[in-house]
N, C-alpha and C. Protein backbone atom coordinates (compact mmCIF):
# COMPACT_ATOMS: atom_id res chain seq x y z
N UNK A 1 14.68 -71.50 -6.37
CA UNK A 1 13.28 -72.03 -6.50
C UNK A 1 13.15 -72.34 -7.97
N UNK A 2 12.54 -73.39 -8.21
CA UNK A 2 12.30 -73.85 -9.69
C UNK A 2 10.84 -74.16 -9.78
N UNK A 3 10.43 -74.23 -11.09
CA UNK A 3 9.04 -74.42 -11.38
C UNK A 3 8.50 -73.34 -12.33
N UNK A 4 7.39 -73.57 -12.79
CA UNK A 4 6.77 -72.60 -13.72
C UNK A 4 6.23 -71.42 -12.88
N UNK A 5 5.73 -70.39 -13.61
CA UNK A 5 5.19 -69.19 -12.96
C UNK A 5 4.06 -69.60 -12.05
N UNK A 6 3.22 -70.45 -12.45
CA UNK A 6 2.05 -70.89 -11.59
C UNK A 6 2.55 -71.57 -10.30
N UNK A 7 3.59 -72.37 -10.33
CA UNK A 7 4.17 -72.99 -9.18
C UNK A 7 4.65 -71.91 -8.16
N UNK A 8 5.37 -70.92 -8.71
CA UNK A 8 5.92 -69.83 -7.91
C UNK A 8 4.82 -69.08 -7.29
N UNK A 9 3.73 -68.74 -7.98
CA UNK A 9 2.61 -68.01 -7.45
C UNK A 9 1.87 -68.76 -6.41
N UNK A 10 1.77 -70.05 -6.63
CA UNK A 10 1.05 -70.94 -5.60
C UNK A 10 1.90 -70.90 -4.34
N UNK A 11 3.21 -71.06 -4.38
CA UNK A 11 4.08 -71.11 -3.24
C UNK A 11 3.88 -69.59 -2.50
N UNK A 12 3.92 -68.58 -3.21
CA UNK A 12 3.86 -67.24 -2.59
C UNK A 12 2.53 -67.10 -1.87
N UNK A 13 1.48 -67.67 -2.43
CA UNK A 13 0.13 -67.51 -1.89
C UNK A 13 -0.05 -68.36 -0.71
N UNK A 14 0.32 -69.65 -0.68
CA UNK A 14 0.05 -70.58 0.39
C UNK A 14 1.21 -71.20 0.94
N UNK A 15 2.17 -71.68 0.13
CA UNK A 15 3.34 -72.41 0.54
C UNK A 15 4.18 -71.62 1.57
N UNK A 16 4.41 -70.42 1.33
CA UNK A 16 5.30 -69.66 2.16
C UNK A 16 4.68 -69.61 3.57
N UNK A 17 3.36 -69.37 3.71
CA UNK A 17 2.68 -69.42 5.11
C UNK A 17 2.89 -70.73 5.74
N UNK A 18 2.62 -71.74 5.01
CA UNK A 18 2.78 -73.15 5.59
C UNK A 18 4.24 -73.37 6.02
N UNK A 19 5.23 -72.96 5.19
CA UNK A 19 6.61 -73.08 5.64
C UNK A 19 6.91 -72.29 6.85
N UNK A 20 6.36 -71.17 7.00
CA UNK A 20 6.53 -70.32 8.21
C UNK A 20 6.09 -71.03 9.41
N UNK A 21 4.90 -71.61 9.28
CA UNK A 21 4.18 -72.39 10.38
C UNK A 21 5.14 -73.60 10.78
N UNK A 22 5.57 -74.26 9.82
CA UNK A 22 6.49 -75.39 10.01
C UNK A 22 7.74 -74.95 10.74
N UNK A 23 8.31 -73.83 10.36
CA UNK A 23 9.54 -73.23 11.05
C UNK A 23 9.23 -72.99 12.59
N UNK A 24 8.02 -72.40 12.77
CA UNK A 24 7.68 -72.15 14.23
C UNK A 24 7.55 -73.43 14.96
N UNK A 25 6.91 -74.43 14.47
CA UNK A 25 6.71 -75.66 15.16
C UNK A 25 8.11 -76.32 15.45
N UNK A 26 8.98 -76.23 14.48
CA UNK A 26 10.34 -76.83 14.64
C UNK A 26 11.03 -76.11 15.84
N UNK A 27 10.93 -74.76 15.87
CA UNK A 27 11.59 -74.01 17.00
C UNK A 27 11.03 -74.41 18.31
N UNK A 28 9.72 -74.52 18.42
CA UNK A 28 9.04 -74.94 19.68
C UNK A 28 9.53 -76.29 20.04
N UNK A 29 9.61 -77.23 19.03
CA UNK A 29 10.04 -78.64 19.38
C UNK A 29 11.48 -78.58 19.94
N UNK A 30 12.41 -77.83 19.28
CA UNK A 30 13.72 -77.68 19.62
C UNK A 30 13.90 -77.05 21.03
N UNK A 31 13.03 -76.09 21.32
CA UNK A 31 13.05 -75.55 22.66
C UNK A 31 12.65 -76.61 23.72
N UNK A 32 11.64 -77.28 23.48
CA UNK A 32 11.17 -78.36 24.38
C UNK A 32 12.30 -79.44 24.59
N UNK A 33 12.86 -79.94 23.56
CA UNK A 33 13.82 -80.99 23.69
C UNK A 33 15.17 -80.49 24.31
N UNK A 34 15.62 -79.27 23.89
CA UNK A 34 16.91 -78.83 24.37
C UNK A 34 16.82 -77.98 25.55
N UNK A 35 15.74 -77.67 26.07
CA UNK A 35 15.60 -76.77 27.27
C UNK A 35 15.98 -77.39 28.56
N UNK A 36 16.78 -76.77 29.38
CA UNK A 36 16.94 -77.24 30.79
C UNK A 36 15.75 -77.22 31.61
N UNK A 37 14.74 -76.45 31.13
CA UNK A 37 13.48 -76.46 31.84
C UNK A 37 12.39 -77.15 31.09
N UNK A 38 12.70 -78.42 30.66
CA UNK A 38 11.86 -79.07 29.82
C UNK A 38 10.44 -79.31 30.46
N UNK A 39 10.42 -79.70 31.79
CA UNK A 39 9.08 -79.95 32.35
C UNK A 39 8.26 -78.66 32.39
N UNK A 40 8.82 -77.54 32.67
CA UNK A 40 8.11 -76.21 32.72
C UNK A 40 7.61 -75.85 31.34
N UNK A 41 8.44 -76.09 30.33
CA UNK A 41 8.01 -75.67 28.90
C UNK A 41 6.82 -76.67 28.52
N UNK A 42 6.99 -77.92 28.85
CA UNK A 42 5.88 -78.91 28.45
C UNK A 42 4.54 -78.44 29.26
N UNK A 43 4.63 -78.13 30.44
CA UNK A 43 3.43 -77.77 31.32
C UNK A 43 2.82 -76.48 30.67
N UNK A 44 3.65 -75.47 30.30
CA UNK A 44 3.12 -74.25 29.77
C UNK A 44 2.58 -74.56 28.40
N UNK A 45 3.10 -75.32 27.58
CA UNK A 45 2.60 -75.64 26.26
C UNK A 45 1.31 -76.38 26.34
N UNK A 46 1.12 -77.22 27.35
CA UNK A 46 -0.15 -77.92 27.56
C UNK A 46 -1.26 -77.10 27.93
N UNK A 47 -1.01 -75.96 28.60
CA UNK A 47 -2.03 -75.04 28.99
C UNK A 47 -2.50 -74.17 27.89
N UNK A 48 -1.53 -73.88 27.01
CA UNK A 48 -1.87 -73.04 25.88
C UNK A 48 -1.84 -71.55 26.22
N UNK A 49 -2.16 -70.65 25.32
CA UNK A 49 -2.18 -69.23 25.69
C UNK A 49 -3.11 -68.91 26.73
N UNK A 50 -2.70 -67.98 27.59
CA UNK A 50 -3.56 -67.42 28.56
C UNK A 50 -3.71 -65.98 28.42
N UNK A 51 -4.98 -65.53 28.84
CA UNK A 51 -5.19 -64.04 28.72
C UNK A 51 -6.08 -63.76 27.71
């Protein structure tokens, strides 16, 4: 990681959480694209969380 101390602190406060969300989105996208159950995954994703 490079940058001044302020850049590092900003990343630790906000950027890290954003990066984590981006990682989760990418994993979900990969699951949908690569899954042999693509239609089921898409339908479940469209319903959202239940319960």
